[in-house]
Amino acid sequence: MFNFEKQLSKFGGLTVLCIGDLMLDDFVYGDVSRISPEAPAPVIAVKREDVVIGGAGNVARNIAALGARCIFLGVIGNDLAGKTVKSAFAEFRRKIKPQLIVDKSRPTTRKLRFVSEHHSTHLLRADWERTTPIDGKIEAALIKRALAAMPRADAVVLSDYAKGLLTPRVIRAVIKKAKQLKKPVVVDPKGTDFSIYRGASIITPNRKELVDTTRRTATTLTELASAAAELARAVSSKAVLVTMSEEGMLLHTRSKAFVHVPAYSVKVRDVSGAGDTVVAVLALMLALGADYESAMRTANAAASVVIGKRGTATVSAAELRARILPSAALAAEEKIVFDWRELEEPLSYWRAQDLRIGFTNGVFDLLHPGHIKVLAEARAACDRLVVGINSDASVRRLKGEGRPVQTEHARAEVLAALEAVDLVVVFEQNTPFDLIRRVRPNVLIKGSDYKSKQVVGRELVEGNGGEVVLVDLVPGFSTTGIVRRSRKTR
């Protein structure tokens, strides 16, 4: 099997040629609390807006986020959305080299989504698009650029969103050249006629696309595998990877029986663009010489990261490593902070990745099921969890002599061993107010024995656009009670 940890650092030396339907993804987040007096329609109170490159452009973003380079070929319209796309690509100029052809006859594809901030539920989507094939002149220009760029690439991705860019002529020319140069070709397909992708290394339909193109019943894993095998034979592909949402992925290859991997157990915030992440990772893994099963397992891990984020998201190499190689395996000293000046590096890195930072705090003297539930629920509400713990002196001031039972170093090491915890920070003050101001979390988590207004730091977090989450406690568990009972039995 492929040694992922050894090869991950090599992503930075790879270049992927990505060709496909580019779009602009616009996410408007807010809350709905009333119905419009003008019409029976919900009113969303807008809190923020995120505009990112989507469609095939999100494949390029994922390639760049993983440290590799991408040559991207696409078409935009002569409009404001097209200009926005150009500006957005400038952010990735070190990693993405876009070659955008302007088609004055069609709009830049744009998708505007209204999303519930609190529940991450999509309320409405509006599309600006044209799905007719590109004209002959643009088609010829696209093929010319693709063939010229091919020798510089280690792998090729065809990201088909059925918006008209990937015509049969474009697809055939690209796959033919890639086979001549022995470059792996990863296809994210659309439509029901997959014969146009004939000769691709691997095709990644979802379950519905597989059923539609093979016209076969595919409800069980065996039936899915049989349909995937039929598709592979029909298009002369070495492998077919079927994405199955919460049921994971299924891989068919010519040389062995099908392999099914379950999805990771994660809190799903948004599935937008997860398929883009999958093909980006597959391309990089195959470029490194990985076998198809290793590539699939890595892509499955990457997808589990991005569906835990909001909007059209990407996965970094560090996040991918952490998902495949559990964070509990890290040395405790890598997760424990006594000097607050050491906080800036991890926090800045997480914010740069647009990760949701959570914070909770406590003494955590004798860890019990109540603590575990709070920490698990806290981690489910964020992408990275910072846990503040009172220093020994702080605990004595709050709880009196005889506490804590364990030193701050011992308590920190126990917490750092938990996979749910990403950082443990010791604070000397009676409350974590100053630490919360330093961390600036997106979400503040406490047990439900508090009321929201009683939570220290609530004003800071909500003032920065964050939220407070109260977690139900496990009845019958408290450190004070455990200490009291243990002393009675002496």
Protein backbone atom coordinates (compact mmCIF):
# COMPACT_ATOMS: atom_id res chain seq x y z
CA MET A 1 0.00 0.00 0.00
CA PHE A 2 0.97 3.62 -0.56
CA ASN A 3 2.93 5.28 2.27
CA PHE A 4 0.84 8.44 2.62
CA GLU A 5 2.85 10.19 5.33
CA LYS A 6 6.13 9.68 3.45
CA GLN A 7 4.73 10.94 0.13
CA LEU A 8 2.55 13.86 1.32
CA SER A 9 5.43 16.33 1.22
CA LYS A 10 5.86 15.56 -2.48
CA PHE A 11 2.53 17.22 -3.37
CA GLY A 12 4.42 20.51 -3.59
CA GLY A 13 6.42 19.27 -6.57
CA LEU A 14 3.38 18.32 -8.67
CA THR A 15 1.45 20.17 -11.37
CA VAL A 16 -2.09 19.26 -12.43
CA LEU A 17 -3.79 20.42 -15.62
CA CYS A 18 -7.45 21.07 -14.83
CA ILE A 19 -9.97 21.77 -17.58
CA GLY A 20 -13.64 22.34 -16.90
CA ASP A 21 -16.68 24.47 -16.27
CA LEU A 22 -15.77 27.46 -14.15
CA MET A 23 -18.31 29.22 -11.96
CA LEU A 24 -18.66 31.78 -9.21
CA ASP A 25 -20.13 30.51 -5.94
CA ASP A 26 -21.83 33.20 -3.88
CA PHE A 27 -23.01 32.24 -0.38
CA VAL A 28 -25.23 34.60 1.60
CA TYR A 29 -25.54 33.57 5.26
CA GLY A 30 -28.21 34.77 7.64
CA ASP A 31 -31.17 33.80 9.81
CA VAL A 32 -34.85 33.59 8.98
CA SER A 33 -37.16 34.81 11.74
CA ARG A 34 -40.15 36.25 9.89
CA ILE A 35 -42.28 36.15 6.75
CA SER A 36 -42.31 39.09 4.36
CA PRO A 37 -45.39 41.35 4.66
CA GLU A 38 -45.21 41.80 0.88
CA ALA A 39 -45.58 38.13 -0.04
CA PRO A 40 -45.65 34.69 1.67
CA ALA A 41 -41.87 34.39 1.54
CA PRO A 42 -39.28 34.06 4.32
CA VAL A 43 -37.03 37.05 5.00
CA ILE A 44 -33.36 36.31 5.60
CA ALA A 45 -31.49 38.75 7.83
CA VAL A 46 -28.07 38.74 6.13
CA LYS A 47 -25.04 38.40 8.40
CA ARG A 48 -22.24 37.79 5.90
CA GLU A 49 -21.44 36.87 2.31
CA ASP A 50 -18.71 34.63 0.88
CA VAL A 51 -17.80 34.73 -2.82
CA VAL A 52 -15.41 32.02 -4.05
CA ILE A 53 -14.33 30.33 -7.26
CA GLY A 54 -16.47 27.24 -7.80
CA GLY A 55 -17.11 24.42 -10.23
CA ALA A 56 -13.92 23.24 -11.89
CA GLY A 57 -12.24 26.28 -10.33
CA ASN A 58 -12.76 24.67 -6.94
CA VAL A 59 -10.73 21.68 -8.13
CA ALA A 60 -7.91 24.13 -8.81
CA ARG A 61 -8.35 25.72 -5.38
CA ASN A 62 -8.09 22.30 -3.71
CA ILE A 63 -4.96 21.43 -5.68
CA ALA A 64 -3.38 24.70 -4.55
CA ALA A 65 -4.51 24.23 -0.93
CA LEU A 66 -2.75 20.86 -0.90
CA GLY A 67 0.49 22.56 -1.94
CA ALA A 68 0.60 21.59 -5.62
CA ARG A 69 0.43 23.78 -8.73
CA CYS A 70 -2.45 23.91 -11.18
CA ILE A 71 -2.71 25.01 -14.77
CA PHE A 72 -6.39 25.88 -15.16
CA LEU A 73 -8.26 26.23 -18.45
CA GLY A 74 -11.78 27.64 -18.51
CA VAL A 75 -14.22 30.04 -20.10
CA ILE A 76 -15.80 33.17 -18.59
CA GLY A 77 -18.24 35.75 -19.88
CA ASN A 78 -17.56 39.42 -20.51
CA ASP A 79 -19.38 40.46 -17.35
CA LEU A 80 -18.93 41.48 -13.71
CA ALA A 81 -18.92 37.86 -12.51
CA GLY A 82 -16.10 37.12 -14.95
CA LYS A 83 -14.07 40.04 -13.61
CA THR A 84 -14.71 38.82 -10.07
CA VAL A 85 -13.40 35.38 -11.02
CA LYS A 86 -10.23 36.89 -12.46
CA SER A 87 -9.67 38.89 -9.28
CA ALA A 88 -10.28 35.83 -7.12
CA PHE A 89 -7.68 33.81 -9.03
CA ALA A 90 -5.10 36.50 -8.25
CA GLU A 91 -5.13 35.28 -4.63
CA PHE A 92 -3.67 31.97 -5.82
CA ARG A 93 -1.18 33.35 -8.35
CA ARG A 94 1.72 31.39 -6.88
CA LYS A 95 -0.08 28.07 -7.23
CA ILE A 96 -2.74 28.48 -9.95
CA LYS A 97 -1.97 29.63 -13.49
CA PRO A 98 -5.38 30.39 -15.03
CA GLN A 99 -5.83 30.59 -18.78
CA LEU A 100 -9.32 32.04 -19.14
CA ILE A 101 -10.94 32.45 -22.53
CA VAL A 102 -13.60 35.19 -22.71
CA ASP A 103 -16.81 34.23 -24.51
CA LYS A 104 -18.88 37.35 -25.08
CA SER A 105 -21.91 35.29 -26.08
CA ARG A 106 -22.44 33.65 -22.69
CA PRO A 107 -22.55 34.71 -19.04
CA THR A 108 -20.05 33.58 -16.45
CA THR A 109 -21.79 30.77 -14.58
CA ARG A 110 -22.82 32.04 -11.14
CA LYS A 111 -24.67 30.31 -8.32
CA LEU A 112 -26.14 32.40 -5.52
CA ARG A 113 -27.09 30.42 -2.41
CA PHE A 114 -28.98 31.68 0.64
CA VAL A 115 -27.97 29.66 3.69
CA SER A 116 -29.21 29.55 7.27
CA GLU A 117 -26.28 30.70 9.40
CA HIS A 118 -27.34 28.68 12.43
CA HIS A 119 -28.41 25.41 10.78
CA SER A 120 -26.25 25.53 7.59
CA THR A 121 -29.43 24.73 5.61
CA HIS A 122 -29.67 25.93 2.02
CA LEU A 123 -32.83 28.01 1.71
CA LEU A 124 -32.71 29.04 -1.95
CA ARG A 125 -30.37 28.98 -4.95
CA ALA A 126 -30.36 31.27 -7.98
CA ASP A 127 -28.36 30.38 -11.12
CA TRP A 128 -26.97 32.47 -13.99
CA GLU A 129 -25.75 30.09 -16.69
CA ARG A 130 -25.81 28.89 -20.26
CA THR A 131 -25.45 25.17 -20.94
CA THR A 132 -25.11 25.10 -24.74
CA PRO A 133 -21.73 23.95 -26.11
CA ILE A 134 -19.00 26.54 -26.70
CA ASP A 135 -18.59 27.56 -30.35
CA GLY A 136 -15.98 26.15 -32.71
CA LYS A 137 -13.44 28.98 -32.40
CA ILE A 138 -13.35 28.86 -28.61
CA GLU A 139 -13.29 25.06 -28.72
CA ALA A 140 -10.23 25.13 -31.01
CA ALA A 141 -8.47 27.70 -28.83
CA LEU A 142 -9.15 25.62 -25.73
CA ILE A 143 -7.76 22.44 -27.30
CA LYS A 144 -4.65 24.27 -28.48
CA ARG A 145 -3.93 25.58 -24.99
CA ALA A 146 -4.65 22.22 -23.37
CA LEU A 147 -2.27 20.32 -25.63
CA ALA A 148 0.44 22.94 -25.17
CA ALA A 149 0.16 22.74 -21.37
CA MET A 150 -0.01 18.95 -21.14
CA PRO A 151 3.77 18.23 -21.10
CA ARG A 152 4.16 20.39 -17.98
CA ALA A 153 1.50 18.47 -16.05
CA ASP A 154 1.82 15.32 -13.94
CA ALA A 155 -1.91 14.55 -14.13
CA VAL A 156 -5.06 15.83 -15.85
CA VAL A 157 -8.53 16.53 -14.45
CA LEU A 158 -11.64 16.95 -16.61
CA SER A 159 -14.26 18.59 -14.38
CA ASP A 160 -17.57 18.41 -16.26
CA TYR A 161 -20.48 20.43 -14.87
CA ALA A 162 -22.42 20.19 -18.17
CA LYS A 163 -22.16 23.93 -18.87
CA GLY A 164 -20.87 23.41 -22.41
CA LEU A 165 -17.07 23.68 -22.13
CA LEU A 166 -16.18 19.99 -22.23
CA THR A 167 -17.45 19.13 -25.69
CA PRO A 168 -16.79 15.64 -27.12
CA ARG A 169 -14.07 17.14 -29.32
CA VAL A 170 -12.29 18.76 -26.35
CA ILE A 171 -12.53 15.61 -24.24
CA ARG A 172 -11.27 13.30 -26.97
CA ALA A 173 -8.31 15.55 -27.82
CA VAL A 174 -7.25 15.85 -24.17
CA ILE A 175 -7.54 12.15 -23.33
CA LYS A 176 -5.72 11.13 -26.53
CA LYS A 177 -2.79 13.45 -25.79
CA ALA A 178 -2.67 12.41 -22.12
CA LYS A 179 -2.48 8.72 -23.09
CA GLN A 180 0.37 9.47 -25.50
CA LEU A 181 2.26 11.24 -22.71
CA LYS A 182 1.23 8.59 -20.11
CA LYS A 183 -0.48 11.12 -17.84
CA PRO A 184 -3.30 9.89 -15.56
CA VAL A 185 -6.69 11.40 -16.43
CA VAL A 186 -9.34 11.85 -13.72
CA VAL A 187 -12.89 12.58 -14.90
CA ASP A 188 -15.72 14.04 -12.84
CA PRO A 189 -18.54 13.25 -15.29
CA LYS A 190 -21.98 14.63 -16.09
CA GLY A 191 -24.85 13.48 -18.28
CA THR A 192 -25.86 9.94 -19.16
CA ASP A 193 -23.52 9.21 -22.10
CA PHE A 194 -20.12 8.48 -20.63
CA SER A 195 -18.73 7.11 -23.89
CA ILE A 196 -17.17 10.53 -24.54
CA TYR A 197 -14.78 9.86 -21.63
CA ARG A 198 -13.45 6.67 -23.21
CA GLY A 199 -9.86 5.95 -22.20
CA ALA A 200 -9.79 8.02 -18.99
CA SER A 201 -7.80 6.50 -16.13
CA ILE A 202 -10.61 6.83 -13.58
CA ILE A 203 -14.19 8.13 -13.70
CA THR A 204 -15.99 9.31 -10.55
CA PRO A 205 -19.80 9.18 -10.96
CA ASN A 206 -22.11 9.42 -7.99
CA ARG A 207 -24.65 6.64 -7.44
CA LYS A 208 -27.41 8.34 -9.48
CA GLU A 209 -25.08 9.08 -12.39
CA LEU A 210 -23.92 5.47 -12.44
CA VAL A 211 -27.49 4.18 -12.47
CA ASP A 212 -28.54 6.61 -15.19
CA THR A 213 -25.64 5.84 -17.51
CA THR A 214 -25.74 2.04 -17.11
CA ARG A 215 -29.56 1.82 -16.81
CA ARG A 216 -29.12 -0.82 -14.13
CA THR A 217 -30.58 -1.30 -10.70
CA ALA A 218 -27.86 -0.51 -8.19
CA THR A 219 -29.12 -0.51 -4.61
CA THR A 220 -26.78 -3.03 -2.96
CA LEU A 221 -23.00 -2.86 -2.94
CA THR A 222 -22.82 -5.91 -5.18
CA GLU A 223 -25.18 -4.31 -7.71
CA LEU A 224 -23.20 -1.06 -7.60
CA ALA A 225 -19.97 -2.95 -8.17
CA SER A 226 -21.49 -4.79 -11.11
CA ALA A 227 -22.70 -1.52 -12.65
CA ALA A 228 -19.27 0.07 -12.09
CA ALA A 229 -17.59 -2.89 -13.79
CA GLU A 230 -19.93 -2.56 -16.77
CA LEU A 231 -19.14 1.15 -17.04
CA ALA A 232 -15.39 0.49 -16.84
CA ARG A 233 -15.63 -2.02 -19.70
CA ALA A 234 -17.80 0.29 -21.79
CA VAL A 235 -15.40 3.24 -21.59
CA SER A 236 -12.11 1.31 -21.31
CA SER A 237 -11.33 2.93 -17.97
CA LYS A 238 -8.88 1.37 -15.53
CA ALA A 239 -11.05 2.30 -12.56
CA VAL A 240 -14.48 3.61 -11.57
CA LEU A 241 -14.99 5.29 -8.22
CA VAL A 242 -18.63 5.65 -7.14
CA THR A 243 -19.31 8.36 -4.55
CA MET A 244 -22.21 7.47 -2.26
CA SER A 245 -22.57 10.45 0.11
CA GLU A 246 -23.02 9.23 3.69
CA GLU A 247 -22.42 5.62 2.58
CA GLY A 248 -18.84 6.33 1.53
CA MET A 249 -17.21 5.25 -1.73
CA LEU A 250 -16.96 2.13 -3.87
CA LEU A 251 -14.02 1.38 -6.14
CA HIS A 252 -13.90 -1.00 -9.10
CA THR A 253 -10.60 -1.79 -10.78
CA ARG A 254 -9.73 -4.37 -13.41
CA SER A 255 -7.32 -6.32 -11.24
CA LYS A 256 -9.21 -7.00 -8.00
CA ALA A 257 -12.60 -7.27 -6.33
CA PHE A 258 -14.46 -4.06 -5.54
CA VAL A 259 -13.51 -2.12 -2.42
CA HIS A 260 -16.01 -0.19 -0.30
CA VAL A 261 -14.91 2.37 2.30
CA PRO A 262 -17.46 3.93 4.67
CA ALA A 263 -17.73 7.67 5.08
CA TYR A 264 -16.02 9.25 8.07
CA SER A 265 -18.34 10.05 10.96
CA VAL A 266 -18.38 13.84 10.88
CA LYS A 267 -20.87 16.64 11.33
CA VAL A 268 -21.96 17.66 7.83
CA ARG A 269 -22.21 21.43 7.34
CA ASP A 270 -22.19 21.71 3.56
CA VAL A 271 -21.59 19.19 0.76
CA SER A 272 -21.05 21.87 -1.91
CA GLY A 273 -17.88 21.11 -3.85
CA ALA A 274 -16.97 17.86 -2.08
CA GLY A 275 -16.69 16.12 -5.45
CA ASP A 276 -14.13 18.74 -6.52
CA THR A 277 -11.98 17.84 -3.54
CA VAL A 278 -12.23 14.15 -4.40
CA VAL A 279 -10.96 14.53 -7.98
CA ALA A 280 -8.21 16.95 -6.90
CA VAL A 281 -6.85 14.44 -4.38
CA LEU A 282 -7.20 11.53 -6.80
CA ALA A 283 -5.17 13.41 -9.42
CA LEU A 284 -2.36 14.21 -6.98
CA MET A 285 -2.23 10.70 -5.57
CA LEU A 286 -2.15 9.08 -9.01
CA ALA A 287 0.52 11.55 -10.12
CA LEU A 288 2.66 10.26 -7.23
CA GLY A 289 2.18 6.70 -8.39
CA ALA A 290 -0.33 5.64 -5.74
CA ASP A 291 -2.57 2.64 -6.41
CA TYR A 292 -6.28 3.35 -6.93
CA GLU A 293 -7.35 2.06 -3.53
CA SER A 294 -4.88 4.29 -1.66
CA ALA A 295 -5.97 7.23 -3.80
CA MET A 296 -9.63 6.53 -2.98
CA ARG A 297 -9.02 6.24 0.75
CA THR A 298 -7.13 9.52 0.76
CA ALA A 299 -9.87 11.24 -1.25
CA ASN A 300 -12.49 9.88 1.16
CA ALA A 301 -10.61 11.42 4.09
CA ALA A 302 -10.27 14.74 2.26
CA ALA A 303 -14.00 14.83 1.48
CA SER A 304 -14.80 14.32 5.16
CA VAL A 305 -12.83 17.47 5.97
CA VAL A 306 -14.53 19.77 3.46
CA ILE A 307 -18.11 18.69 4.21
CA GLY A 308 -17.46 19.80 7.78
CA LYS A 309 -16.89 23.36 6.52
CA ARG A 310 -19.31 25.93 5.21
CA GLY A 311 -19.61 26.79 1.54
CA THR A 312 -17.39 25.59 -1.30
CA ALA A 313 -14.36 24.61 0.75
CA THR A 314 -10.86 23.21 0.33
CA VAL A 315 -8.65 20.88 2.33
CA SER A 316 -5.02 21.58 3.23
CA ALA A 317 -2.24 19.02 3.43
CA ALA A 318 -2.10 19.49 7.21
CA GLU A 319 -5.83 18.83 7.56
CA LEU A 320 -5.59 15.76 5.36
CA ARG A 321 -2.69 14.40 7.39
CA ALA A 322 -4.57 15.04 10.63
CA ARG A 323 -7.64 13.18 9.35
CA ILE A 324 -5.69 10.15 8.15
CA LEU A 325 -3.17 10.17 11.01
CA PRO A 326 -5.30 10.94 14.10
CA SER A 327 -4.33 13.98 16.12
CA ALA A 328 -4.31 11.85 19.27
CA ALA A 329 -1.03 10.44 18.00
CA LEU A 330 0.63 13.85 18.37
CA ALA A 331 2.93 14.32 21.33
CA ALA A 332 1.18 16.10 24.18
CA GLU A 333 3.68 18.96 24.15
CA GLU A 334 2.57 19.82 20.60
CA LYS A 335 -0.94 20.57 21.86
CA ILE A 336 -0.28 22.25 25.22
CA VAL A 337 0.32 26.00 25.53
CA PHE A 338 1.48 27.80 28.68
CA ASP A 339 2.97 30.84 26.97
CA TRP A 340 0.11 32.63 25.19
CA ARG A 341 2.53 34.08 22.65
CA GLU A 342 2.66 30.59 21.14
CA LEU A 343 -1.03 30.82 20.27
CA GLU A 344 -0.58 33.15 17.31
CA GLU A 345 0.94 30.60 14.95
CA PRO A 346 -1.75 27.88 15.11
CA LEU A 347 -4.61 30.39 15.32
CA SER A 348 -3.35 32.35 12.31
CA TYR A 349 -2.92 29.14 10.35
CA TRP A 350 -6.46 27.98 11.15
CA ARG A 351 -7.95 31.34 10.27
CA ALA A 352 -6.07 31.38 6.97
CA GLN A 353 -7.74 28.04 6.20
CA ASP A 354 -11.14 29.57 7.08
CA LEU A 355 -11.62 27.04 9.87
CA ARG A 356 -14.24 27.52 12.58
CA ILE A 357 -12.45 27.86 15.92
CA GLY A 358 -14.24 26.74 19.07
CA PHE A 359 -13.43 27.40 22.72
CA THR A 360 -14.48 25.82 25.98
CA ASN A 361 -12.93 25.89 29.43
CA GLY A 362 -12.94 24.32 32.85
CA VAL A 363 -10.78 22.83 35.58
CA PHE A 364 -11.00 19.25 34.25
CA ASP A 365 -9.53 17.93 37.49
CA LEU A 366 -10.79 14.35 37.36
CA LEU A 367 -11.98 13.63 33.81
CA HIS A 368 -15.41 11.97 33.78
CA PRO A 369 -18.20 11.18 31.23
CA GLY A 370 -19.69 14.64 31.67
CA HIS A 371 -16.43 16.23 30.56
CA ILE A 372 -16.13 13.86 27.62
CA LYS A 373 -19.61 14.72 26.36
CA VAL A 374 -18.97 18.47 26.58
CA LEU A 375 -15.67 18.11 24.72
CA ALA A 376 -17.18 15.85 22.03
CA GLU A 377 -20.12 18.20 21.49
CA ALA A 378 -17.76 21.18 21.48
CA ARG A 379 -15.57 19.60 18.78
CA ALA A 380 -18.66 18.80 16.71
CA ALA A 381 -19.56 22.50 16.71
CA CYS A 382 -16.24 23.64 15.24
CA ASP A 383 -13.28 22.65 13.09
CA ARG A 384 -10.61 23.22 15.74
CA LEU A 385 -11.18 23.15 19.50
CA VAL A 386 -9.19 25.19 22.01
CA VAL A 387 -9.65 24.15 25.66
CA GLY A 388 -8.74 26.58 28.40
CA ILE A 389 -7.90 25.13 31.82
CA ASN A 390 -7.41 26.97 35.10
CA SER A 391 -3.89 26.95 36.51
CA ASP A 392 -3.32 25.33 39.90
CA ALA A 393 -3.30 28.73 41.64
CA SER A 394 -6.52 29.71 39.91
CA VAL A 395 -8.23 26.47 40.98
CA ARG A 396 -7.18 26.97 44.62
CA ARG A 397 -8.65 30.48 44.61
CA LEU A 398 -11.93 29.22 43.19
CA LYS A 399 -12.35 25.87 44.99
CA GLY A 400 -10.19 26.14 48.09
CA GLU A 401 -7.28 24.15 49.50
CA GLY A 402 -7.14 20.52 48.50
CA ARG A 403 -7.94 21.30 44.89
CA PRO A 404 -6.91 20.59 42.27
CA VAL A 405 -6.37 16.91 42.80
CA GLN A 406 -4.09 16.83 39.75
CA THR A 407 -1.54 19.44 38.71
CA GLU A 408 -2.09 21.70 35.71
CA HIS A 409 0.54 19.72 33.79
CA ALA A 410 -1.21 16.41 34.46
CA ARG A 411 -4.64 17.82 33.58
CA ALA A 412 -3.29 19.35 30.38
CA GLU A 413 -1.64 16.09 29.29
CA VAL A 414 -4.84 14.11 29.80
CA LEU A 415 -6.85 16.59 27.73
CA ALA A 416 -4.18 16.74 25.02
CA ALA A 417 -4.45 12.97 24.58
CA LEU A 418 -8.07 13.34 23.45
CA GLU A 419 -8.63 13.45 19.67
CA ALA A 420 -11.42 16.00 20.12
CA VAL A 421 -8.97 18.53 21.55
CA ASP A 422 -6.64 20.51 19.28
CA LEU A 423 -5.04 22.90 21.80
CA VAL A 424 -4.93 23.08 25.60
CA VAL A 425 -4.15 26.51 27.05
CA VAL A 426 -3.49 27.16 30.75
CA PHE A 427 -4.72 30.48 32.18
CA GLU A 428 -3.84 32.05 35.54
CA GLN A 429 -6.90 34.31 35.91
CA ASN A 430 -10.10 33.33 37.72
CA THR A 431 -12.04 33.47 34.44
CA PRO A 432 -11.02 32.80 30.84
CA PHE A 433 -12.13 36.27 29.65
CA ASP A 434 -8.62 37.44 28.67
CA LEU A 435 -7.87 34.14 26.96
CA ILE A 436 -11.11 34.29 24.97
CA ARG A 437 -10.20 37.80 23.86
CA ARG A 438 -6.82 36.43 22.70
CA VAL A 439 -8.27 33.39 20.89
CA ARG A 440 -11.26 35.20 19.30
CA PRO A 441 -13.25 31.98 18.76
CA ASN A 442 -16.14 31.63 16.34
CA VAL A 443 -18.10 29.54 18.81
CA LEU A 444 -18.04 29.42 22.62
CA ILE A 445 -19.22 26.16 24.22
CA LYS A 446 -20.29 25.58 27.82
CA GLY A 447 -22.43 23.12 29.76
CA SER A 448 -26.16 23.73 30.06
CA ASP A 449 -25.79 24.41 33.80
CA TYR A 450 -25.04 27.94 32.54
CA LYS A 451 -27.49 30.31 30.95
CA SER A 452 -26.26 32.03 27.81
CA LYS A 453 -26.03 35.42 29.54
CA GLN A 454 -23.87 33.90 32.30
CA VAL A 455 -21.18 32.54 29.96
CA VAL A 456 -17.93 34.45 30.37
CA GLY A 457 -16.85 35.97 27.07
CA ARG A 458 -20.28 35.82 25.46
CA GLU A 459 -20.24 39.52 24.55
CA LEU A 460 -16.80 39.21 22.96
CA VAL A 461 -17.73 36.24 20.82
CA GLU A 462 -21.15 37.46 19.73
CA GLY A 463 -19.72 40.92 19.09
CA ASN A 464 -17.36 39.33 16.57
CA GLY A 465 -20.21 37.52 14.82
CA GLY A 466 -19.78 34.22 16.69
CA GLU A 467 -22.22 32.21 18.78
CA VAL A 468 -22.62 30.53 22.16
CA VAL A 469 -23.56 26.84 22.29
CA LEU A 470 -24.82 25.19 25.49
CA VAL A 471 -24.31 21.42 25.78
CA ASP A 472 -26.58 19.19 27.87
CA LEU A 473 -24.74 17.65 30.81
CA VAL A 474 -24.58 14.00 31.83
CA PRO A 475 -26.50 13.82 35.13
CA GLY A 476 -24.77 12.44 38.20
CA PHE A 477 -21.21 13.38 37.30
CA SER A 478 -19.11 16.15 38.85
CA THR A 479 -15.51 16.31 40.00
CA THR A 480 -16.54 17.83 43.33
CA GLY A 481 -18.91 14.91 43.94
CA ILE A 482 -16.24 12.36 43.02
CA VAL A 483 -13.72 13.99 45.37
CA ARG A 484 -16.26 14.14 48.21
CA ARG A 485 -17.19 10.44 47.82
CA SER A 486 -13.57 9.34 47.62
CA ARG A 487 -12.73 11.16 50.87
CA LYS A 488 -15.66 9.53 52.68
CA THR A 489 -14.39 6.05 51.77
CA ARG A 490 -10.93 6.61 53.22
